[in-house]
Amino acid sequence: MTHGPFCRACGHPEAAGEHDGCDLRLQLDPPRFCATCGRRLDVQVFPTGYRATCRRCDGVHPAHRA
């Protein structure tokens, strides 16, 4: 599940190895790392979903409805 050069679950480069476990984790949890720069996201979890923001890229990641 590639969305950028970095894994959204572990923050390591996508090309660095297998991320099957990360893909499974992202099915239940919001992303914790920015896919663009690899920095840890500020994540707010709500009963209806979440909001994830990257301070470096100043981007808001799409919300996921649980």
N, C-alpha and C. Protein backbone atom coordinates (compact mmCIF):
# COMPACT_ATOMS: atom_id res chain seq x y z
N MET A 1 0.85 -1.17 0.00
CA MET A 1 0.00 0.00 0.00
C MET A 1 0.89 1.24 0.00
N THR A 2 1.33 1.66 -1.15
CA THR A 2 2.26 2.76 -1.25
C THR A 2 1.51 4.07 -1.47
N HIS A 3 1.78 5.06 -0.65
CA HIS A 3 1.20 6.39 -0.80
C HIS A 3 2.28 7.46 -0.86
N GLY A 4 3.52 7.08 -0.76
CA GLY A 4 4.64 8.01 -0.77
C GLY A 4 5.92 7.26 -0.54
N PRO A 5 7.02 7.98 -0.41
CA PRO A 5 8.30 7.30 -0.22
C PRO A 5 8.49 6.68 1.17
N PHE A 6 7.63 7.03 2.14
CA PHE A 6 7.77 6.51 3.50
C PHE A 6 6.52 5.75 3.91
N CYS A 7 6.71 4.75 4.77
CA CYS A 7 5.61 3.96 5.30
C CYS A 7 4.82 4.81 6.30
N ARG A 8 3.50 4.77 6.19
CA ARG A 8 2.65 5.57 7.08
C ARG A 8 2.50 4.95 8.46
N ALA A 9 2.91 3.69 8.63
CA ALA A 9 2.79 3.02 9.93
C ALA A 9 4.08 3.06 10.73
N CYS A 10 5.24 2.85 10.05
CA CYS A 10 6.50 2.77 10.79
C CYS A 10 7.46 3.91 10.49
N GLY A 11 7.25 4.65 9.40
CA GLY A 11 8.09 5.79 9.08
C GLY A 11 9.36 5.46 8.30
N HIS A 12 9.63 4.18 8.08
CA HIS A 12 10.82 3.79 7.32
C HIS A 12 10.54 3.91 5.82
N PRO A 13 11.58 4.04 5.00
CA PRO A 13 11.36 4.13 3.55
C PRO A 13 10.62 2.89 3.03
N GLU A 14 9.68 3.10 2.11
CA GLU A 14 8.90 2.00 1.54
C GLU A 14 9.80 0.99 0.86
N ALA A 15 10.89 1.45 0.23
CA ALA A 15 11.78 0.58 -0.51
C ALA A 15 12.71 -0.23 0.40
N ALA A 16 12.70 0.06 1.70
CA ALA A 16 13.64 -0.57 2.63
C ALA A 16 13.27 -1.99 3.00
N GLY A 17 12.07 -2.44 2.70
CA GLY A 17 11.73 -3.80 3.07
C GLY A 17 10.24 -4.06 3.03
N GLU A 18 9.87 -5.17 3.62
CA GLU A 18 8.47 -5.59 3.64
C GLU A 18 7.67 -4.77 4.66
N HIS A 19 6.49 -4.39 4.27
CA HIS A 19 5.62 -3.62 5.14
C HIS A 19 4.24 -4.27 5.25
N ASP A 20 4.20 -5.60 5.12
CA ASP A 20 2.92 -6.30 5.21
C ASP A 20 2.27 -6.11 6.57
N GLY A 21 3.06 -6.18 7.64
CA GLY A 21 2.53 -5.96 8.98
C GLY A 21 2.04 -4.54 9.16
N CYS A 22 2.73 -3.61 8.54
CA CYS A 22 2.33 -2.20 8.62
C CYS A 22 0.99 -2.00 7.90
N ASP A 23 0.84 -2.64 6.75
CA ASP A 23 -0.41 -2.52 6.00
C ASP A 23 -1.59 -3.06 6.81
N LEU A 24 -1.37 -4.15 7.53
CA LEU A 24 -2.42 -4.71 8.38
C LEU A 24 -2.76 -3.76 9.53
N ARG A 25 -1.73 -3.15 10.11
CA ARG A 25 -1.95 -2.22 11.22
C ARG A 25 -2.75 -0.99 10.77
N LEU A 26 -2.50 -0.53 9.53
CA LEU A 26 -3.19 0.65 9.02
C LEU A 26 -4.66 0.39 8.72
N GLN A 27 -5.05 -0.86 8.66
CA GLN A 27 -6.47 -1.17 8.46
C GLN A 27 -7.28 -0.86 9.71
N LEU A 28 -6.62 -0.89 10.88
CA LEU A 28 -7.31 -0.65 12.15
C LEU A 28 -6.95 0.68 12.80
N ASP A 29 -5.73 1.15 12.61
CA ASP A 29 -5.24 2.35 13.26
C ASP A 29 -4.98 3.46 12.25
N PRO A 30 -5.02 4.72 12.69
CA PRO A 30 -4.67 5.82 11.79
C PRO A 30 -3.18 5.81 11.49
N PRO A 31 -2.77 6.46 10.41
CA PRO A 31 -1.34 6.54 10.12
C PRO A 31 -0.63 7.32 11.21
N ARG A 32 0.61 6.94 11.50
CA ARG A 32 1.39 7.61 12.54
C ARG A 32 2.55 8.41 11.97
N PHE A 33 2.89 8.17 10.70
CA PHE A 33 4.01 8.86 10.07
C PHE A 33 3.58 9.43 8.72
N CYS A 34 4.17 10.54 8.33
CA CYS A 34 3.87 11.20 7.06
C CYS A 34 4.47 10.38 5.91
N ALA A 35 3.67 10.09 4.90
CA ALA A 35 4.14 9.33 3.74
C ALA A 35 5.08 10.16 2.88
N THR A 36 5.04 11.48 2.99
CA THR A 36 5.87 12.35 2.17
C THR A 36 7.26 12.56 2.75
N CYS A 37 7.33 12.85 4.06
CA CYS A 37 8.64 13.19 4.66
C CYS A 37 9.10 12.20 5.73
N GLY A 38 8.22 11.30 6.21
CA GLY A 38 8.59 10.31 7.21
C GLY A 38 8.54 10.79 8.64
N ARG A 39 8.14 12.04 8.84
CA ARG A 39 8.06 12.59 10.20
C ARG A 39 6.81 12.09 10.92
N ARG A 40 6.88 11.98 12.23
CA ARG A 40 5.73 11.54 13.04
C ARG A 40 4.61 12.57 12.92
N LEU A 41 3.38 12.07 12.75
CA LEU A 41 2.21 12.93 12.60
C LEU A 41 1.61 13.30 13.95
N ASP A 42 0.95 14.44 13.98
CA ASP A 42 0.09 14.80 15.11
C ASP A 42 -1.27 14.21 14.79
N VAL A 43 -1.71 13.24 15.57
CA VAL A 43 -2.96 12.53 15.28
C VAL A 43 -3.96 12.79 16.40
N GLN A 44 -5.16 13.23 16.02
CA GLN A 44 -6.27 13.37 16.95
C GLN A 44 -7.31 12.32 16.57
N VAL A 45 -7.68 11.48 17.53
CA VAL A 45 -8.65 10.43 17.27
C VAL A 45 -10.00 10.85 17.87
N PHE A 46 -11.05 10.74 17.04
CA PHE A 46 -12.41 11.09 17.44
C PHE A 46 -13.28 9.84 17.33
N PRO A 47 -14.45 9.84 17.93
CA PRO A 47 -15.34 8.68 17.79
C PRO A 47 -15.73 8.38 16.34
N THR A 48 -15.70 9.40 15.50
CA THR A 48 -16.11 9.23 14.09
C THR A 48 -14.95 9.07 13.13
N GLY A 49 -13.71 9.16 13.61
CA GLY A 49 -12.55 9.04 12.73
C GLY A 49 -11.33 9.67 13.36
N TYR A 50 -10.50 10.30 12.54
CA TYR A 50 -9.29 10.94 13.06
C TYR A 50 -8.87 12.10 12.16
N ARG A 51 -7.94 12.90 12.68
CA ARG A 51 -7.33 13.97 11.91
C ARG A 51 -5.83 13.84 12.12
N ALA A 52 -5.07 13.71 11.03
CA ALA A 52 -3.62 13.56 11.10
C ALA A 52 -2.96 14.71 10.36
N THR A 53 -2.05 15.41 11.04
CA THR A 53 -1.40 16.58 10.46
C THR A 53 0.11 16.45 10.57
N CYS A 54 0.81 16.82 9.50
CA CYS A 54 2.27 16.83 9.48
C CYS A 54 2.74 18.26 9.66
N ARG A 55 3.57 18.50 10.68
CA ARG A 55 4.07 19.85 10.92
C ARG A 55 5.10 20.28 9.89
N ARG A 56 5.88 19.34 9.39
CA ARG A 56 6.92 19.68 8.41
C ARG A 56 6.29 19.99 7.04
N CYS A 57 5.42 19.12 6.57
CA CYS A 57 4.80 19.30 5.25
C CYS A 57 3.60 20.22 5.31
N ASP A 58 3.11 20.47 6.53
CA ASP A 58 1.93 21.30 6.75
C ASP A 58 0.72 20.74 6.02
N GLY A 59 0.68 19.41 5.93
CA GLY A 59 -0.43 18.77 5.23
C GLY A 59 -1.36 18.05 6.18
N VAL A 60 -2.62 18.01 5.81
CA VAL A 60 -3.60 17.25 6.57
C VAL A 60 -3.87 15.99 5.78
N HIS A 61 -3.71 14.86 6.43
CA HIS A 61 -3.92 13.58 5.77
C HIS A 61 -5.40 13.23 5.79
N PRO A 62 -5.85 12.54 4.75
CA PRO A 62 -7.29 12.24 4.67
C PRO A 62 -7.80 11.49 5.89
N ALA A 63 -8.99 11.84 6.32
CA ALA A 63 -9.58 11.20 7.51
C ALA A 63 -10.05 9.80 7.17
N HIS A 64 -9.98 8.96 8.16
CA HIS A 64 -10.39 7.56 8.04
C HIS A 64 -11.55 7.33 8.97
N ARG A 65 -12.58 6.77 8.46
CA ARG A 65 -13.74 6.48 9.31
C ARG A 65 -13.63 5.05 9.81
N ALA A 66 -13.62 4.87 11.11
CA ALA A 66 -13.46 3.54 11.70
C ALA A 66 -14.74 2.75 11.67
